[in-house]
Amino acid sequence: MRYKEYIDINCSANVLYKHLIDNQLIKEWTGGLTSIKSRGSKSRRIKLKQELTYKDIKGKIVVREHVQVLEKNKKLVLNWESDQMDVAKTYEILAAADQIHCRLVVTAKVSFYPKFLNLIAFIIGGAIKDQWSKDLSQLKKNAENSSLN
């Protein structure tokens, strides 16, 4: 399954970037996220590995996250791995010339386990896409209303 979405946000690239890397801020806009376990880090950083725990209908899903690329105020690339799927996800921040508006472009590639589930990914992936869209709407709201502005 492939996913691509963009959203225009009325805040600076710096404020948006902080909402993408600060663990407390991530919890505030990511639906179902109950905990982030990290070895003493309060934010994402290059090569960081941490565990994210999400609530779902069956109980919980634990995702192992590995930060691949981190370009301040520009780009974040993550790999997520769980028992059900692998996700390669990229957040790209495009700042407007006025420095008070930006566009966030999110792309993801999801592979499900067992592999045969990839044949019906369009069905399974619908719920994931819906949640990610809700998360982006909440991120927009949080970033625009942030005291960091």
C-alpha atoms as a PDB file:
ATOM      1  CA  MET A   1       0.000   0.000   0.000  1.00  0.00           C
ATOM      2  CA  ARG A   2       1.220   3.473  -0.824  1.00  0.00           C
ATOM      3  CA  TYR A   3       0.003   6.654   0.806  1.00  0.00           C
ATOM      4  CA  LYS A   4       0.580  10.296  -0.061  1.00  0.00           C
ATOM      5  CA  GLU A   5      -1.087  13.322   1.420  1.00  0.00           C
ATOM      6  CA  TYR A   6      -0.280  16.966   1.888  1.00  0.00           C
ATOM      7  CA  ILE A   7      -1.664  19.601   4.189  1.00  0.00           C
ATOM      8  CA  ASP A   8      -1.132  23.354   4.328  1.00  0.00           C
ATOM      9  CA  ILE A   9      -0.420  24.662   7.816  1.00  0.00           C
ATOM     10  CA  ASN A  10      -0.378  28.247   9.054  1.00  0.00           C
ATOM     11  CA  CYS A  11       2.783  28.072  11.130  1.00  0.00           C
ATOM     12  CA  SER A  12       6.510  28.255  10.551  1.00  0.00           C
ATOM     13  CA  ALA A  13       8.550  25.241   9.459  1.00  0.00           C
ATOM     14  CA  ASN A  14      10.303  25.407  12.836  1.00  0.00           C
ATOM     15  CA  VAL A  15       7.036  25.030  14.792  1.00  0.00           C
ATOM     16  CA  LEU A  16       5.852  22.182  12.571  1.00  0.00           C
ATOM     17  CA  TYR A  17       9.221  20.438  12.847  1.00  0.00           C
ATOM     18  CA  LYS A  18       9.006  20.559  16.660  1.00  0.00           C
ATOM     19  CA  HIS A  19       5.577  18.898  16.492  1.00  0.00           C
ATOM     20  CA  LEU A  20       7.123  16.091  14.408  1.00  0.00           C
ATOM     21  CA  ILE A  21      10.097  15.380  16.658  1.00  0.00           C
ATOM     22  CA  ASP A  22       9.085  16.173  20.275  1.00  0.00           C
ATOM     23  CA  ASN A  23       7.668  13.014  21.891  1.00  0.00           C
ATOM     24  CA  GLN A  24       5.137  14.873  24.056  1.00  0.00           C
ATOM     25  CA  LEU A  25       3.847  16.868  21.083  1.00  0.00           C
ATOM     26  CA  ILE A  26       3.693  13.688  18.954  1.00  0.00           C
ATOM     27  CA  LYS A  27       1.426  12.063  21.564  1.00  0.00           C
ATOM     28  CA  GLU A  28      -0.927  15.047  21.380  1.00  0.00           C
ATOM     29  CA  TRP A  29      -1.651  14.716  17.650  1.00  0.00           C
ATOM     30  CA  THR A  30      -1.256  10.988  16.987  1.00  0.00           C
ATOM     31  CA  GLY A  31      -4.480   9.039  17.520  1.00  0.00           C
ATOM     32  CA  GLY A  32      -4.257   5.907  19.621  1.00  0.00           C
ATOM     33  CA  LEU A  33      -0.647   6.497  20.675  1.00  0.00           C
ATOM     34  CA  THR A  34      -0.412   5.648  24.365  1.00  0.00           C
ATOM     35  CA  SER A  35       3.327   5.582  25.023  1.00  0.00           C
ATOM     36  CA  ILE A  36       6.753   6.185  23.557  1.00  0.00           C
ATOM     37  CA  LYS A  37       9.659   4.270  25.073  1.00  0.00           C
ATOM     38  CA  SER A  38      12.998   5.801  24.353  1.00  0.00           C
ATOM     39  CA  ARG A  39      16.356   5.517  26.052  1.00  0.00           C
ATOM     40  CA  GLY A  40      16.361   8.905  27.749  1.00  0.00           C
ATOM     41  CA  SER A  41      15.490  10.914  24.639  1.00  0.00           C
ATOM     42  CA  LYS A  42      12.560  13.309  24.683  1.00  0.00           C
ATOM     43  CA  SER A  43      12.605  13.805  20.926  1.00  0.00           C
ATOM     44  CA  ARG A  44      13.372  11.980  17.723  1.00  0.00           C
ATOM     45  CA  ARG A  45      16.982  12.174  16.599  1.00  0.00           C
ATOM     46  CA  ILE A  46      19.003  10.550  13.842  1.00  0.00           C
ATOM     47  CA  LYS A  47      19.469   6.793  14.256  1.00  0.00           C
ATOM     48  CA  LEU A  48      17.213   6.772  17.344  1.00  0.00           C
ATOM     49  CA  LYS A  49      15.313   3.559  17.947  1.00  0.00           C
ATOM     50  CA  GLN A  50      12.235   3.674  20.149  1.00  0.00           C
ATOM     51  CA  GLU A  51       8.994   1.790  20.780  1.00  0.00           C
ATOM     52  CA  LEU A  52       5.600   3.335  20.166  1.00  0.00           C
ATOM     53  CA  THR A  53       2.539   1.645  21.662  1.00  0.00           C
ATOM     54  CA  TYR A  54      -0.879   2.191  20.097  1.00  0.00           C
ATOM     55  CA  LYS A  55      -4.336   1.154  21.281  1.00  0.00           C
ATOM     56  CA  ASP A  56      -6.412  -0.724  18.782  1.00  0.00           C
ATOM     57  CA  ILE A  57      -9.531  -2.873  18.712  1.00  0.00           C
ATOM     58  CA  LYS A  58      -7.599  -5.988  19.704  1.00  0.00           C
ATOM     59  CA  GLY A  59      -5.653  -4.344  22.516  1.00  0.00           C
ATOM     60  CA  LYS A  60      -2.351  -2.850  21.550  1.00  0.00           C
ATOM     61  CA  ILE A  61       0.188  -2.700  18.764  1.00  0.00           C
ATOM     62  CA  VAL A  62       3.874  -2.113  19.474  1.00  0.00           C
ATOM     63  CA  VAL A  63       5.804  -0.390  16.702  1.00  0.00           C
ATOM     64  CA  ARG A  64       9.593  -0.264  16.627  1.00  0.00           C
ATOM     65  CA  GLU A  65      10.619   3.058  15.131  1.00  0.00           C
ATOM     66  CA  HIS A  66      13.996   3.889  13.613  1.00  0.00           C
ATOM     67  CA  VAL A  67      14.779   7.459  12.569  1.00  0.00           C
ATOM     68  CA  GLN A  68      16.586   7.319   9.211  1.00  0.00           C
ATOM     69  CA  VAL A  69      16.839  10.980   8.166  1.00  0.00           C
ATOM     70  CA  LEU A  70      16.394  14.154  10.161  1.00  0.00           C
ATOM     71  CA  GLU A  71      16.897  17.510   8.443  1.00  0.00           C
ATOM     72  CA  LYS A  72      15.947  20.382  10.727  1.00  0.00           C
ATOM     73  CA  ASN A  73      12.793  22.171   9.569  1.00  0.00           C
ATOM     74  CA  LYS A  74      12.807  20.165   6.300  1.00  0.00           C
ATOM     75  CA  LYS A  75      12.540  16.394   6.463  1.00  0.00           C
ATOM     76  CA  LEU A  76      11.978  13.360   8.675  1.00  0.00           C
ATOM     77  CA  VAL A  77      12.229   9.779   7.425  1.00  0.00           C
ATOM     78  CA  LEU A  78      11.108   6.901   9.661  1.00  0.00           C
ATOM     79  CA  ASN A  79      10.977   3.126   9.432  1.00  0.00           C
ATOM     80  CA  TRP A  80       8.332   1.415  11.539  1.00  0.00           C
ATOM     81  CA  GLU A  81       8.231  -2.299  12.141  1.00  0.00           C
ATOM     82  CA  SER A  82       5.608  -4.389  13.928  1.00  0.00           C
ATOM     83  CA  ASP A  83       4.369  -7.967  13.834  1.00  0.00           C
ATOM     84  CA  GLN A  84       1.693  -6.924  11.317  1.00  0.00           C
ATOM     85  CA  MET A  85       3.538  -4.548   8.981  1.00  0.00           C
ATOM     86  CA  ASP A  86       6.574  -2.514   7.972  1.00  0.00           C
ATOM     87  CA  VAL A  87       6.196   1.157   7.110  1.00  0.00           C
ATOM     88  CA  ALA A  88       8.635   3.548   5.429  1.00  0.00           C
ATOM     89  CA  LYS A  89       7.284   7.052   6.117  1.00  0.00           C
ATOM     90  CA  THR A  90       8.584  10.458   5.032  1.00  0.00           C
ATOM     91  CA  TYR A  91       7.493  13.870   6.287  1.00  0.00           C
ATOM     92  CA  GLU A  92       8.704  16.736   4.104  1.00  0.00           C
ATOM     93  CA  ILE A  93       8.190  20.361   5.151  1.00  0.00           C
ATOM     94  CA  LEU A  94       7.969  22.923   2.364  1.00  0.00           C
ATOM     95  CA  ALA A  95       8.240  26.432   3.810  1.00  0.00           C
ATOM     96  CA  ALA A  96       6.515  29.355   2.107  1.00  0.00           C
ATOM     97  CA  ALA A  97       8.497  32.479   1.267  1.00  0.00           C
ATOM     98  CA  ASP A  98       6.729  34.366   4.073  1.00  0.00           C
ATOM     99  CA  GLN A  99       8.140  31.895   6.666  1.00  0.00           C
ATOM    100  CA  ILE A 100       4.781  31.761   8.495  1.00  0.00           C
ATOM    101  CA  HIS A 101       3.092  29.139   6.303  1.00  0.00           C
ATOM    102  CA  CYS A 102       4.225  25.716   5.181  1.00  0.00           C
ATOM    103  CA  ARG A 103       3.055  22.575   3.479  1.00  0.00           C
ATOM    104  CA  LEU A 104       3.618  19.142   4.938  1.00  0.00           C
ATOM    105  CA  VAL A 105       3.922  16.320   2.402  1.00  0.00           C
ATOM    106  CA  VAL A 106       3.614  12.830   3.871  1.00  0.00           C
ATOM    107  CA  THR A 107       4.419   9.685   1.899  1.00  0.00           C
ATOM    108  CA  ALA A 108       4.409   6.120   3.122  1.00  0.00           C
ATOM    109  CA  LYS A 109       4.874   2.625   1.819  1.00  0.00           C
ATOM    110  CA  VAL A 110       3.315  -0.156   3.885  1.00  0.00           C
ATOM    111  CA  SER A 111       4.029  -3.886   3.608  1.00  0.00           C
ATOM    112  CA  PHE A 112       1.774  -6.263   5.544  1.00  0.00           C
ATOM    113  CA  TYR A 113       2.491  -9.642   7.173  1.00  0.00           C
ATOM    114  CA  PRO A 114       1.832 -12.325   6.177  1.00  0.00           C
ATOM    115  CA  LYS A 115       2.813 -11.288   2.662  1.00  0.00           C
ATOM    116  CA  PHE A 116      -0.408 -12.468   0.995  1.00  0.00           C
ATOM    117  CA  LEU A 117      -2.226  -9.634   2.809  1.00  0.00           C
ATOM    118  CA  ASN A 118      -0.502  -7.204   0.448  1.00  0.00           C
ATOM    119  CA  LEU A 119      -2.879  -8.494  -2.259  1.00  0.00           C
ATOM    120  CA  ILE A 120      -5.798  -6.979  -0.338  1.00  0.00           C
ATOM    121  CA  ALA A 121      -3.902  -4.006   1.077  1.00  0.00           C
ATOM    122  CA  PHE A 122      -6.438  -1.571  -0.370  1.00  0.00           C
ATOM    123  CA  ILE A 123      -9.021  -3.000   2.059  1.00  0.00           C
ATOM    124  CA  ILE A 124      -6.801  -3.255   5.131  1.00  0.00           C
ATOM    125  CA  GLY A 125      -5.023   0.000   4.377  1.00  0.00           C
ATOM    126  CA  GLY A 126      -8.229   2.024   4.336  1.00  0.00           C
ATOM    127  CA  ALA A 127      -8.393   2.196   8.119  1.00  0.00           C
ATOM    128  CA  ILE A 128      -4.715   3.120   8.326  1.00  0.00           C
ATOM    129  CA  LYS A 129      -5.128   5.904   5.745  1.00  0.00           C
ATOM    130  CA  ASP A 130      -8.175   7.227   7.599  1.00  0.00           C
ATOM    131  CA  GLN A 131      -6.283   7.359  10.892  1.00  0.00           C
ATOM    132  CA  TRP A 132      -3.265   9.050   9.293  1.00  0.00           C
ATOM    133  CA  SER A 133      -5.558  11.685   7.734  1.00  0.00           C
ATOM    134  CA  LYS A 134      -7.162  12.338  11.134  1.00  0.00           C
ATOM    135  CA  ASP A 135      -3.686  12.598  12.668  1.00  0.00           C
ATOM    136  CA  LEU A 136      -2.643  15.188  10.071  1.00  0.00           C
ATOM    137  CA  SER A 137      -5.773  17.247  10.764  1.00  0.00           C
ATOM    138  CA  GLN A 138      -4.974  17.179  14.484  1.00  0.00           C
ATOM    139  CA  LEU A 139      -1.328  18.052  13.782  1.00  0.00           C
ATOM    140  CA  LYS A 140      -2.474  21.068  11.741  1.00  0.00           C
ATOM    141  CA  LYS A 141      -4.749  22.223  14.551  1.00  0.00           C
ATOM    142  CA  ASN A 142      -2.077  21.764  17.217  1.00  0.00           C
ATOM    143  CA  ALA A 143       0.683  23.468  15.218  1.00  0.00           C
ATOM    144  CA  GLU A 144      -1.491  26.436  14.264  1.00  0.00           C
ATOM    145  CA  ASN A 145      -2.638  26.938  17.861  1.00  0.00           C
ATOM    146  CA  SER A 146       0.739  26.250  19.416  1.00  0.00           C
ATOM    147  CA  SER A 147       2.300  28.607  21.934  1.00  0.00           C
ATOM    148  CA  LEU A 148       5.532  28.038  19.948  1.00  0.00           C
ATOM    149  CA  ASN A 149       4.201  30.387  17.228  1.00  0.00           C
END
